[in-house]
């Protein structure tokens, strides 16, 4: 089953019992089951779309960061789900160090997004589906606040346990750091009270803050890349999935029905059509023809319009081939 079905069918409240015998009733997946069942728009992303969003998020330059003024949240209420293994694989390719990888035991991840009517600000809750049996939906204790105008104020991460909304920075990657400026993070009130009572040492508090933020913060670049691709109209294919026949069988067996959703695929990321070759030849006529080389897919912005140029080959073999396109710039002195 999809993660969305695990959450929609979750009825058990999240209760943690301490060694002292004290019970803590915390906010969990069951508290959002009804909201997910009533959500009017549910997306499940295809693996190639997940990989493309990650590649776009962590690409060099400011392709995505330079288009933030064009973005908007896709709906006032929407569910977005993806396969976490596809995300991990692409992150390992883009970031060999693996600094931003979630637990390998996570099979699927998803967010339930609520936006304001202008769709420039909103909040989202993050969920996961774990691998070991029984597969239980897990909800992150962190709520992510999105502001595409980056106008909100934020506290230092240490203020997370005090109820403040904090910002996460990534000094090692300027592109990602600029995307994270759109997000603030705060603890769910029930989880805040729990951690304040149980995380009693500075070391434990620091560990709680670090792990809680790392688990959700680096989903933001993926989501922003998806929002940009969704703004390119008719370039992402949405395939309705209606499990009506399967649900009829499930109901006969006494099982709960599965939810309808849309599978979002990316047919735009296919070999470049013929018109692009003509366009490229026209642009190249004013300069020396390029050597034979491969061009990866990339976003092109022209004023208030965004285009996707699929991966393609350019140039002429007779002029040689480009084996490496790495350029290192150094300041004098």
C-alpha atoms as a PDB file:
ATOM      1  CA  UNK A   1       0.000   0.000   0.000  1.00  0.00           C
ATOM      2  CA  UNK A   2       0.991   3.621  -0.463  1.00  0.00           C
ATOM      3  CA  UNK A   3       1.964   5.719   2.512  1.00  0.00           C
ATOM      4  CA  UNK A   4      -1.233   7.727   2.109  1.00  0.00           C
ATOM      5  CA  UNK A   5      -3.314   4.583   2.652  1.00  0.00           C
ATOM      6  CA  UNK A   6      -1.347   3.621   5.759  1.00  0.00           C
ATOM      7  CA  UNK A   7      -2.045   7.067   7.231  1.00  0.00           C
ATOM      8  CA  UNK A   8      -5.705   7.148   6.181  1.00  0.00           C
ATOM      9  CA  UNK A   9      -6.275   3.789   7.888  1.00  0.00           C
ATOM     10  CA  UNK A  10      -4.321   4.652  11.035  1.00  0.00           C
ATOM     11  CA  UNK A  11      -6.579   4.757  14.093  1.00  0.00           C
ATOM     12  CA  UNK A  12      -4.260   4.116  17.043  1.00  0.00           C
ATOM     13  CA  UNK A  13      -3.132   7.242  18.911  1.00  0.00           C
ATOM     14  CA  UNK A  14       0.587   7.731  19.510  1.00  0.00           C
ATOM     15  CA  UNK A  15       1.350   7.070  23.174  1.00  0.00           C
ATOM     16  CA  UNK A  16       4.892   6.844  24.561  1.00  0.00           C
ATOM     17  CA  UNK A  17       5.425   5.262  27.968  1.00  0.00           C
ATOM     18  CA  UNK A  18       8.455   6.357  29.949  1.00  0.00           C
ATOM     19  CA  UNK A  19      10.465   4.043  32.194  1.00  0.00           C
ATOM     20  CA  UNK A  20       8.822   5.794  35.128  1.00  0.00           C
ATOM     21  CA  UNK A  21       5.432   4.574  33.911  1.00  0.00           C
ATOM     22  CA  UNK A  22       4.275   8.018  32.740  1.00  0.00           C
ATOM     23  CA  UNK A  23       2.333   8.065  29.467  1.00  0.00           C
ATOM     24  CA  UNK A  24       2.693  10.827  26.883  1.00  0.00           C
ATOM     25  CA  UNK A  25      -0.040  11.280  24.250  1.00  0.00           C
ATOM     26  CA  UNK A  26       1.758  12.826  21.259  1.00  0.00           C
ATOM     27  CA  UNK A  27       0.611  14.064  17.863  1.00  0.00           C
ATOM     28  CA  UNK A  28       0.890  11.218  15.368  1.00  0.00           C
ATOM     29  CA  UNK A  29      -0.291   9.922  12.013  1.00  0.00           C
ATOM     30  CA  UNK A  30      -3.764   9.038  13.311  1.00  0.00           C
ATOM     31  CA  UNK A  31      -4.430  12.718  14.041  1.00  0.00           C
ATOM     32  CA  UNK A  32      -4.147  13.483  10.301  1.00  0.00           C
ATOM     33  CA  UNK A  33      -5.997  10.455   8.927  1.00  0.00           C
ATOM     34  CA  UNK A  34      -9.248  12.342   8.441  1.00  0.00           C
ATOM     35  CA  UNK A  35      -7.505  15.364   6.895  1.00  0.00           C
ATOM     36  CA  UNK A  36      -5.798  13.098   4.367  1.00  0.00           C
ATOM     37  CA  UNK A  37      -9.015  11.286   3.493  1.00  0.00           C
ATOM     38  CA  UNK A  38     -10.683  14.666   2.879  1.00  0.00           C
ATOM     39  CA  UNK A  39      -7.716  16.117   0.968  1.00  0.00           C
ATOM     40  CA  UNK A  40      -9.010  17.015  -2.527  1.00  0.00           C
ATOM     41  CA  UNK A  41      -5.693  16.529  -4.331  1.00  0.00           C
ATOM     42  CA  UNK A  42      -3.241  13.673  -3.746  1.00  0.00           C
ATOM     43  CA  UNK A  43      -0.033  13.257  -5.786  1.00  0.00           C
ATOM     44  CA  UNK A  44       2.256  10.211  -5.901  1.00  0.00           C
ATOM     45  CA  UNK A  45       5.497  11.051  -7.732  1.00  0.00           C
ATOM     46  CA  UNK A  46       7.125   8.684 -10.214  1.00  0.00           C
ATOM     47  CA  UNK A  47      10.759   7.787  -9.500  1.00  0.00           C
ATOM     48  CA  UNK A  48      12.166   9.618 -12.510  1.00  0.00           C
ATOM     49  CA  UNK A  49      10.392  12.780 -11.416  1.00  0.00           C
ATOM     50  CA  UNK A  50      11.870  12.455  -7.912  1.00  0.00           C
ATOM     51  CA  UNK A  51      15.368  12.060  -9.364  1.00  0.00           C
ATOM     52  CA  UNK A  52      14.849  15.053 -11.646  1.00  0.00           C
ATOM     53  CA  UNK A  53      13.679  17.249  -8.746  1.00  0.00           C
ATOM     54  CA  UNK A  54      16.743  16.302  -6.688  1.00  0.00           C
ATOM     55  CA  UNK A  55      19.101  16.912  -9.607  1.00  0.00           C
ATOM     56  CA  UNK A  56      17.505  20.300 -10.235  1.00  0.00           C
ATOM     57  CA  UNK A  57      17.676  21.214  -6.541  1.00  0.00           C
ATOM     58  CA  UNK A  58      21.367  20.410  -6.182  1.00  0.00           C
ATOM     59  CA  UNK A  59      22.545  21.594  -9.594  1.00  0.00           C
ATOM     60  CA  UNK A  60      25.240  24.214  -9.968  1.00  0.00           C
ATOM     61  CA  UNK A  61      24.290  27.834 -10.560  1.00  0.00           C
ATOM     62  CA  UNK A  62      21.021  29.488  -9.609  1.00  0.00           C
ATOM     63  CA  UNK A  63      18.573  27.739 -11.949  1.00  0.00           C
ATOM     64  CA  UNK A  64      15.989  27.054  -9.243  1.00  0.00           C
ATOM     65  CA  UNK A  65      16.883  29.835  -6.804  1.00  0.00           C
ATOM     66  CA  UNK A  66      16.502  32.370  -9.607  1.00  0.00           C
ATOM     67  CA  UNK A  67      12.890  31.312 -10.228  1.00  0.00           C
ATOM     68  CA  UNK A  68      11.492  31.514  -6.706  1.00  0.00           C
ATOM     69  CA  UNK A  69       9.452  34.604  -7.584  1.00  0.00           C
ATOM     70  CA  UNK A  70       7.527  32.487 -10.118  1.00  0.00           C
ATOM     71  CA  UNK A  71       6.672  29.716  -7.681  1.00  0.00           C
ATOM     72  CA  UNK A  72       3.419  29.116  -5.878  1.00  0.00           C
ATOM     73  CA  UNK A  73       2.156  26.200  -3.828  1.00  0.00           C
ATOM     74  CA  UNK A  74       0.117  23.972  -6.163  1.00  0.00           C
ATOM     75  CA  UNK A  75      -3.109  23.980  -4.106  1.00  0.00           C
ATOM     76  CA  UNK A  76      -4.513  25.080  -0.773  1.00  0.00           C
ATOM     77  CA  UNK A  77      -4.570  21.455   0.351  1.00  0.00           C
ATOM     78  CA  UNK A  78      -2.484  18.732  -1.271  1.00  0.00           C
ATOM     79  CA  UNK A  79      -0.734  15.465  -0.439  1.00  0.00           C
ATOM     80  CA  UNK A  80       2.645  14.722  -2.110  1.00  0.00           C
ATOM     81  CA  UNK A  81       4.310  11.303  -1.760  1.00  0.00           C
ATOM     82  CA  UNK A  82       7.460   9.731  -3.179  1.00  0.00           C
ATOM     83  CA  UNK A  83       9.654   6.637  -2.980  1.00  0.00           C
ATOM     84  CA  UNK A  84      12.469   7.415  -0.557  1.00  0.00           C
ATOM     85  CA  UNK A  85      14.897   4.959  -2.208  1.00  0.00           C
ATOM     86  CA  UNK A  86      14.776   6.978  -5.444  1.00  0.00           C
ATOM     87  CA  UNK A  87      15.467  10.162  -3.499  1.00  0.00           C
ATOM     88  CA  UNK A  88      18.373   8.564  -1.593  1.00  0.00           C
ATOM     89  CA  UNK A  89      19.954   7.195  -4.780  1.00  0.00           C
ATOM     90  CA  UNK A  90      19.907  10.604  -6.485  1.00  0.00           C
ATOM     91  CA  UNK A  91      21.197  12.341  -3.359  1.00  0.00           C
ATOM     92  CA  UNK A  92      24.102   9.900  -3.208  1.00  0.00           C
ATOM     93  CA  UNK A  93      24.929  10.807  -6.795  1.00  0.00           C
ATOM     94  CA  UNK A  94      24.670  14.567  -6.207  1.00  0.00           C
ATOM     95  CA  UNK A  95      26.173  14.531  -2.694  1.00  0.00           C
ATOM     96  CA  UNK A  96      28.597  11.597  -2.413  1.00  0.00           C
ATOM     97  CA  UNK A  97      29.156  12.399   1.274  1.00  0.00           C
ATOM     98  CA  UNK A  98      25.532  11.542   2.054  1.00  0.00           C
ATOM     99  CA  UNK A  99      25.142  14.330   4.612  1.00  0.00           C
ATOM    100  CA  UNK A 100      21.408  14.783   4.011  1.00  0.00           C
ATOM    101  CA  UNK A 101      20.204  11.182   3.763  1.00  0.00           C
ATOM    102  CA  UNK A 102      17.365   9.869   5.878  1.00  0.00           C
ATOM    103  CA  UNK A 103      17.437   6.434   7.481  1.00  0.00           C
ATOM    104  CA  UNK A 104      17.739   3.614   4.909  1.00  0.00           C
ATOM    105  CA  UNK A 105      14.846   1.913   6.735  1.00  0.00           C
ATOM    106  CA  UNK A 106      12.436   4.541   5.395  1.00  0.00           C
ATOM    107  CA  UNK A 107      10.563   3.177   2.359  1.00  0.00           C
ATOM    108  CA  UNK A 108       8.289   6.076   1.432  1.00  0.00           C
ATOM    109  CA  UNK A 109       7.904   9.693   2.461  1.00  0.00           C
ATOM    110  CA  UNK A 110       5.176  12.267   2.007  1.00  0.00           C
ATOM    111  CA  UNK A 111       3.964  15.686   3.066  1.00  0.00           C
ATOM    112  CA  UNK A 112       0.493  17.044   3.750  1.00  0.00           C
ATOM    113  CA  UNK A 113       0.516  20.674   2.681  1.00  0.00           C
ATOM    114  CA  UNK A 114      -1.877  23.451   3.679  1.00  0.00           C
ATOM    115  CA  UNK A 115      -1.484  26.791   1.894  1.00  0.00           C
ATOM    116  CA  UNK A 116      -2.979  30.227   2.296  1.00  0.00           C
ATOM    117  CA  UNK A 117      -5.269  31.426  -0.546  1.00  0.00           C
ATOM    118  CA  UNK A 118      -2.460  33.322  -2.320  1.00  0.00           C
ATOM    119  CA  UNK A 119      -0.437  30.046  -2.364  1.00  0.00           C
ATOM    120  CA  UNK A 120       2.816  31.811  -1.519  1.00  0.00           C
ATOM    121  CA  UNK A 121       2.864  30.721   2.124  1.00  0.00           C
ATOM    122  CA  UNK A 122       1.775  27.572   3.888  1.00  0.00           C
ATOM    123  CA  UNK A 123       2.747  24.763   6.217  1.00  0.00           C
ATOM    124  CA  UNK A 124       3.378  21.084   5.790  1.00  0.00           C
ATOM    125  CA  UNK A 125       3.613  17.985   7.945  1.00  0.00           C
ATOM    126  CA  UNK A 126       6.035  15.214   7.034  1.00  0.00           C
ATOM    127  CA  UNK A 127       5.345  11.463   7.235  1.00  0.00           C
ATOM    128  CA  UNK A 128       7.342   8.292   6.598  1.00  0.00           C
ATOM    129  CA  UNK A 129       6.691   4.605   6.133  1.00  0.00           C
ATOM    130  CA  UNK A 130       9.263   2.399   7.824  1.00  0.00           C
ATOM    131  CA  UNK A 131      10.602  -0.823   6.337  1.00  0.00           C
ATOM    132  CA  UNK A 132      10.565  -3.246   9.283  1.00  0.00           C
ATOM    133  CA  UNK A 133       7.315  -5.052  10.058  1.00  0.00           C
ATOM    134  CA  UNK A 134       4.796  -3.985  11.138  1.00  0.00           C
ATOM    135  CA  UNK A 135       4.966  -1.103   8.719  1.00  0.00           C
ATOM    136  CA  UNK A 136       3.640   1.842  10.656  1.00  0.00           C
ATOM    137  CA  UNK A 137       3.264   5.408   9.377  1.00  0.00           C
ATOM    138  CA  UNK A 138       5.494   7.800  11.316  1.00  0.00           C
ATOM    139  CA  UNK A 139       4.919  11.542  11.599  1.00  0.00           C
ATOM    140  CA  UNK A 140       7.772  13.997  12.082  1.00  0.00           C
ATOM    141  CA  UNK A 141       7.456  16.134  15.229  1.00  0.00           C
ATOM    142  CA  UNK A 142       8.561  19.144  13.146  1.00  0.00           C
ATOM    143  CA  UNK A 143       6.144  21.376  11.222  1.00  0.00           C
ATOM    144  CA  UNK A 144       7.653  23.123   8.186  1.00  0.00           C
ATOM    145  CA  UNK A 145       6.520  26.668   7.428  1.00  0.00           C
ATOM    146  CA  UNK A 146       7.009  27.790   3.823  1.00  0.00           C
ATOM    147  CA  UNK A 147       7.199  31.435   2.785  1.00  0.00           C
ATOM    148  CA  UNK A 148       8.254  31.835  -0.849  1.00  0.00           C
ATOM    149  CA  UNK A 149       8.863  35.545  -0.236  1.00  0.00           C
ATOM    150  CA  UNK A 150      11.272  34.628   2.610  1.00  0.00           C
ATOM    151  CA  UNK A 151       9.810  37.441   4.703  1.00  0.00           C
ATOM    152  CA  UNK A 152       9.474  35.627   8.034  1.00  0.00           C
ATOM    153  CA  UNK A 153      11.786  35.933  11.013  1.00  0.00           C
ATOM    154  CA  UNK A 154      13.568  32.962  12.522  1.00  0.00           C
ATOM    155  CA  UNK A 155      15.503  32.013  15.622  1.00  0.00           C
ATOM    156  CA  UNK A 156      18.683  29.989  16.030  1.00  0.00           C
ATOM    157  CA  UNK A 157      18.170  26.193  15.942  1.00  0.00           C
ATOM    158  CA  UNK A 158      18.759  25.974  19.696  1.00  0.00           C
ATOM    159  CA  UNK A 159      15.428  27.779  20.226  1.00  0.00           C
ATOM    160  CA  UNK A 160      13.498  24.885  18.683  1.00  0.00           C
ATOM    161  CA  UNK A 161      12.746  23.278  22.064  1.00  0.00           C
ATOM    162  CA  UNK A 162      11.561  26.651  23.381  1.00  0.00           C
ATOM    163  CA  UNK A 163       8.781  26.837  20.802  1.00  0.00           C
ATOM    164  CA  UNK A 164      10.480  29.199  18.349  1.00  0.00           C
ATOM    165  CA  UNK A 165      10.458  28.862  14.565  1.00  0.00           C
ATOM    166  CA  UNK A 166      14.031  28.295  13.436  1.00  0.00           C
ATOM    167  CA  UNK A 167      15.975  28.353  10.188  1.00  0.00           C
ATOM    168  CA  UNK A 168      18.367  25.724   8.822  1.00  0.00           C
ATOM    169  CA  UNK A 169      21.402  26.776   6.782  1.00  0.00           C
ATOM    170  CA  UNK A 170      23.713  24.793   4.513  1.00  0.00           C
ATOM    171  CA  UNK A 171      26.991  26.762   4.231  1.00  0.00           C
ATOM    172  CA  UNK A 172      28.543  24.063   2.042  1.00  0.00           C
ATOM    173  CA  UNK A 173      25.996  24.554  -0.778  1.00  0.00           C
ATOM    174  CA  UNK A 174      25.005  28.098  -1.712  1.00  0.00           C
ATOM    175  CA  UNK A 175      22.197  26.928  -3.996  1.00  0.00           C
ATOM    176  CA  UNK A 176      20.539  24.789  -1.316  1.00  0.00           C
ATOM    177  CA  UNK A 177      21.125  27.431   1.337  1.00  0.00           C
ATOM    178  CA  UNK A 178      19.224  29.986  -0.737  1.00  0.00           C
ATOM    179  CA  UNK A 179      16.305  27.541  -1.053  1.00  0.00           C
ATOM    180  CA  UNK A 180      16.232  26.832   2.676  1.00  0.00           C
ATOM    181  CA  UNK A 181      15.697  30.545   3.342  1.00  0.00           C
ATOM    182  CA  UNK A 182      12.074  29.973   2.309  1.00  0.00           C
ATOM    183  CA  UNK A 183      11.489  27.582   5.197  1.00  0.00           C
ATOM    184  CA  UNK A 184      11.105  27.844   8.954  1.00  0.00           C
ATOM    185  CA  UNK A 185      10.727  24.884  11.318  1.00  0.00           C
ATOM    186  CA  UNK A 186       8.937  24.542  14.640  1.00  0.00           C
ATOM    187  CA  UNK A 187       8.056  21.716  16.997  1.00  0.00           C
ATOM    188  CA  UNK A 188       4.533  20.460  17.355  1.00  0.00           C
ATOM    189  CA  UNK A 189       3.283  21.736  20.772  1.00  0.00           C
ATOM    190  CA  UNK A 190       2.761  18.227  22.186  1.00  0.00           C
ATOM    191  CA  UNK A 191       6.240  17.147  21.118  1.00  0.00           C
ATOM    192  CA  UNK A 192       7.726  20.353  22.488  1.00  0.00           C
ATOM    193  CA  UNK A 193       6.296  19.653  25.937  1.00  0.00           C
ATOM    194  CA  UNK A 194       7.533  16.071  25.747  1.00  0.00           C
ATOM    195  CA  UNK A 195      11.107  17.011  24.800  1.00  0.00           C
ATOM    196  CA  UNK A 196      11.254  19.782  27.369  1.00  0.00           C
ATOM    197  CA  UNK A 197      10.374  17.252  30.057  1.00  0.00           C
ATOM    198  CA  UNK A 198      12.567  14.363  28.853  1.00  0.00           C
ATOM    199  CA  UNK A 199      15.599  15.972  27.151  1.00  0.00           C
ATOM    200  CA  UNK A 200      17.196  17.187  30.365  1.00  0.00           C
ATOM    201  CA  UNK A 201      20.895  17.382  29.436  1.00  0.00           C
ATOM    202  CA  UNK A 202      22.524  19.813  26.940  1.00  0.00           C
ATOM    203  CA  UNK A 203      23.924  16.922  24.918  1.00  0.00           C
ATOM    204  CA  UNK A 204      20.568  15.215  24.590  1.00  0.00           C
ATOM    205  CA  UNK A 205      18.803  18.465  23.714  1.00  0.00           C
ATOM    206  CA  UNK A 206      21.363  19.186  20.993  1.00  0.00           C
ATOM    207  CA  UNK A 207      20.911  15.671  19.614  1.00  0.00           C
ATOM    208  CA  UNK A 208      17.121  16.018  19.537  1.00  0.00           C
ATOM    209  CA  UNK A 209      17.327  19.368  17.725  1.00  0.00           C
ATOM    210  CA  UNK A 210      19.870  18.158  15.165  1.00  0.00           C
ATOM    211  CA  UNK A 211      18.108  14.925  14.285  1.00  0.00           C
ATOM    212  CA  UNK A 212      14.633  16.467  14.194  1.00  0.00           C
ATOM    213  CA  UNK A 213      15.672  19.231  11.788  1.00  0.00           C
ATOM    214  CA  UNK A 214      17.833  17.023   9.562  1.00  0.00           C
ATOM    215  CA  UNK A 215      14.908  14.625   9.066  1.00  0.00           C
ATOM    216  CA  UNK A 216      12.698  17.236   7.364  1.00  0.00           C
ATOM    217  CA  UNK A 217      14.748  20.253   6.263  1.00  0.00           C
ATOM    218  CA  UNK A 218      16.203  18.784   3.103  1.00  0.00           C
ATOM    219  CA  UNK A 219      12.828  17.835   1.673  1.00  0.00           C
ATOM    220  CA  UNK A 220      12.329  21.558   0.982  1.00  0.00           C
ATOM    221  CA  UNK A 221      14.591  21.729  -2.127  1.00  0.00           C
ATOM    222  CA  UNK A 222      12.828  18.691  -3.626  1.00  0.00           C
ATOM    223  CA  UNK A 223       9.407  20.271  -3.089  1.00  0.00           C
ATOM    224  CA  UNK A 224      10.444  23.656  -4.499  1.00  0.00           C
ATOM    225  CA  UNK A 225      11.796  21.952  -7.616  1.00  0.00           C
ATOM    226  CA  UNK A 226       8.511  20.074  -7.973  1.00  0.00           C
ATOM    227  CA  UNK A 227       6.511  23.297  -7.628  1.00  0.00           C
ATOM    228  CA  UNK A 228       8.586  24.841 -10.416  1.00  0.00           C
ATOM    229  CA  UNK A 229       8.057  21.876 -12.734  1.00  0.00           C
ATOM    230  CA  UNK A 230       4.331  21.922 -11.989  1.00  0.00           C
ATOM    231  CA  UNK A 231       4.256  25.555 -13.108  1.00  0.00           C
ATOM    232  CA  UNK A 232       5.369  24.436 -16.596  1.00  0.00           C
ATOM    233  CA  UNK A 233       1.878  23.667 -17.806  1.00  0.00           C
ATOM    234  CA  UNK A 234       1.102  20.373 -19.513  1.00  0.00           C
ATOM    235  CA  UNK A 235       4.686  19.150 -19.153  1.00  0.00           C
ATOM    236  CA  UNK A 236       4.022  16.761 -16.264  1.00  0.00           C
ATOM    237  CA  UNK A 237       1.633  13.908 -16.900  1.00  0.00           C
ATOM    238  CA  UNK A 238      -0.978  13.175 -14.214  1.00  0.00           C
ATOM    239  CA  UNK A 239      -2.415   9.676 -14.322  1.00  0.00           C
ATOM    240  CA  UNK A 240      -5.577   9.119 -12.224  1.00  0.00           C
ATOM    241  CA  UNK A 241      -5.506   6.003 -10.059  1.00  0.00           C
ATOM    242  CA  UNK A 242      -9.001   4.894  -9.041  1.00  0.00           C
ATOM    243  CA  UNK A 243      -8.883   1.624  -7.042  1.00  0.00           C
ATOM    244  CA  UNK A 244     -12.651   1.119  -7.334  1.00  0.00           C
ATOM    245  CA  UNK A 245     -12.485  -2.513  -8.442  1.00  0.00           C
ATOM    246  CA  UNK A 246      -9.786  -3.341  -5.904  1.00  0.00           C
ATOM    247  CA  UNK A 247     -11.779  -1.614  -3.171  1.00  0.00           C
ATOM    248  CA  UNK A 248     -14.826  -3.726  -3.963  1.00  0.00           C
ATOM    249  CA  UNK A 249     -12.758  -6.843  -3.271  1.00  0.00           C
ATOM    250  CA  UNK A 250     -11.224  -5.298  -0.148  1.00  0.00           C
ATOM    251  CA  UNK A 251     -14.670  -4.446   1.222  1.00  0.00           C
ATOM    252  CA  UNK A 252     -15.834  -8.035   0.684  1.00  0.00           C
ATOM    253  CA  UNK A 253     -12.835  -9.174   2.718  1.00  0.00           C
ATOM    254  CA  UNK A 254     -13.582  -6.678   5.480  1.00  0.00           C
ATOM    255  CA  UNK A 255     -10.636  -4.415   4.626  1.00  0.00           C
ATOM    256  CA  UNK A 256     -10.668  -0.647   4.389  1.00  0.00           C
ATOM    257  CA  UNK A 257     -10.734   0.953   0.913  1.00  0.00           C
ATOM    258  CA  UNK A 258      -7.698   2.575  -0.680  1.00  0.00           C
ATOM    259  CA  UNK A 259      -7.648   6.258  -1.628  1.00  0.00           C
ATOM    260  CA  UNK A 260      -7.817   7.672  -5.115  1.00  0.00           C
ATOM    261  CA  UNK A 261      -4.756   9.682  -6.174  1.00  0.00           C
ATOM    262  CA  UNK A 262      -2.813  10.986  -9.160  1.00  0.00           C
ATOM    263  CA  UNK A 263       0.506   9.513 -10.251  1.00  0.00           C
ATOM    264  CA  UNK A 264       2.674  12.355 -11.532  1.00  0.00           C
ATOM    265  CA  UNK A 265       5.171  11.386 -14.243  1.00  0.00           C
ATOM    266  CA  UNK A 266       7.662  13.369 -16.254  1.00  0.00           C
ATOM    267  CA  UNK A 267       7.358  12.647 -20.002  1.00  0.00           C
ATOM    268  CA  UNK A 268       8.952  16.041 -20.598  1.00  0.00           C
ATOM    269  CA  UNK A 269      12.337  14.530 -19.739  1.00  0.00           C
ATOM    270  CA  UNK A 270      12.682  12.702 -23.025  1.00  0.00           C
ATOM    271  CA  UNK A 271      14.993  13.287 -26.011  1.00  0.00           C
ATOM    272  CA  UNK A 272      14.726  16.810 -27.328  1.00  0.00           C
ATOM    273  CA  UNK A 273      12.245  17.300 -30.210  1.00  0.00           C
ATOM    274  CA  UNK A 274      13.290  18.342 -33.684  1.00  0.00           C
ATOM    275  CA  UNK A 275      12.383  22.014 -33.205  1.00  0.00           C
ATOM    276  CA  UNK A 276      15.065  22.322 -30.527  1.00  0.00           C
ATOM    277  CA  UNK A 277      17.743  21.250 -32.990  1.00  0.00           C
ATOM    278  CA  UNK A 278      16.675  23.979 -35.412  1.00  0.00           C
ATOM    279  CA  UNK A 279      16.597  26.519 -32.600  1.00  0.00           C
ATOM    280  CA  UNK A 280      20.081  25.461 -31.512  1.00  0.00           C
ATOM    281  CA  UNK A 281      21.457  25.759 -35.048  1.00  0.00           C
ATOM    282  CA  UNK A 282      20.027  29.265 -35.358  1.00  0.00           C
ATOM    283  CA  UNK A 283      21.570  30.364 -32.064  1.00  0.00           C
ATOM    284  CA  UNK A 284      24.931  28.860 -33.001  1.00  0.00           C
ATOM    285  CA  UNK A 285      25.112  30.651 -36.365  1.00  0.00           C
ATOM    286  CA  UNK A 286      26.314  33.856 -34.703  1.00  0.00           C
ATOM    287  CA  UNK A 287      29.322  32.184 -33.074  1.00  0.00           C
ATOM    288  CA  UNK A 288      31.857  29.436 -33.659  1.00  0.00           C
ATOM    289  CA  UNK A 289      30.169  26.050 -33.791  1.00  0.00           C
ATOM    290  CA  UNK A 290      30.599  24.079 -30.549  1.00  0.00           C
ATOM    291  CA  UNK A 291      32.496  20.832 -30.207  1.00  0.00           C
ATOM    292  CA  UNK A 292      30.495  17.645 -29.805  1.00  0.00           C
ATOM    293  CA  UNK A 293      29.200  17.378 -26.227  1.00  0.00           C
ATOM    294  CA  UNK A 294      26.249  16.263 -24.154  1.00  0.00           C
ATOM    295  CA  UNK A 295      23.953  18.835 -22.529  1.00  0.00           C
ATOM    296  CA  UNK A 296      21.997  17.738 -19.509  1.00  0.00           C
ATOM    297  CA  UNK A 297      18.373  18.755 -19.020  1.00  0.00           C
ATOM    298  CA  UNK A 298      18.010  22.187 -17.525  1.00  0.00           C
ATOM    299  CA  UNK A 299      15.559  24.957 -16.738  1.00  0.00           C
ATOM    300  CA  UNK A 300      15.515  28.056 -18.953  1.00  0.00           C
ATOM    301  CA  UNK A 301      13.798  31.215 -17.789  1.00  0.00           C
ATOM    302  CA  UNK A 302      12.725  33.936 -20.195  1.00  0.00           C
ATOM    303  CA  UNK A 303      11.046  36.811 -18.369  1.00  0.00           C
ATOM    304  CA  UNK A 304       8.043  35.300 -16.577  1.00  0.00           C
ATOM    305  CA  UNK A 305       8.048  32.018 -18.500  1.00  0.00           C
ATOM    306  CA  UNK A 306       9.968  28.859 -17.616  1.00  0.00           C
ATOM    307  CA  UNK A 307      10.946  26.176 -20.146  1.00  0.00           C
ATOM    308  CA  UNK A 308      12.487  22.747 -19.778  1.00  0.00           C
ATOM    309  CA  UNK A 309      15.216  21.760 -22.233  1.00  0.00           C
ATOM    310  CA  UNK A 310      15.620  18.008 -22.232  1.00  0.00           C
ATOM    311  CA  UNK A 311      19.009  16.223 -22.314  1.00  0.00           C
ATOM    312  CA  UNK A 312      20.516  16.266 -25.791  1.00  0.00           C
ATOM    313  CA  UNK A 313      23.738  16.191 -27.828  1.00  0.00           C
ATOM    314  CA  UNK A 314      25.133  19.336 -29.428  1.00  0.00           C
ATOM    315  CA  UNK A 315      28.043  20.304 -31.620  1.00  0.00           C
ATOM    316  CA  UNK A 316      30.006  18.632 -34.410  1.00  0.00           C
ATOM    317  CA  UNK A 317      32.293  15.619 -34.170  1.00  0.00           C
ATOM    318  CA  UNK A 318      34.704  17.122 -36.728  1.00  0.00           C
ATOM    319  CA  UNK A 319      35.463  19.923 -34.274  1.00  0.00           C
ATOM    320  CA  UNK A 320      36.434  17.453 -31.546  1.00  0.00           C
ATOM    321  CA  UNK A 321      34.623  16.410 -28.412  1.00  0.00           C
ATOM    322  CA  UNK A 322      34.432  17.820 -24.912  1.00  0.00           C
ATOM    323  CA  UNK A 323      35.641  15.244 -22.386  1.00  0.00           C
ATOM    324  CA  UNK A 324      35.401  17.455 -19.305  1.00  0.00           C
ATOM    325  CA  UNK A 325      33.481  20.657 -18.663  1.00  0.00           C
ATOM    326  CA  UNK A 326      34.836  21.336 -15.178  1.00  0.00           C
ATOM    327  CA  UNK A 327      36.140  24.870 -14.752  1.00  0.00           C
ATOM    328  CA  UNK A 328      37.844  25.967 -11.547  1.00  0.00           C
ATOM    329  CA  UNK A 329      37.847  29.684 -10.757  1.00  0.00           C
ATOM    330  CA  UNK A 330      40.260  31.170  -8.224  1.00  0.00           C
ATOM    331  CA  UNK A 331      40.623  34.696  -6.944  1.00  0.00           C
ATOM    332  CA  UNK A 332      44.097  36.218  -7.403  1.00  0.00           C
ATOM    333  CA  UNK A 333      46.246  36.075  -4.280  1.00  0.00           C
END
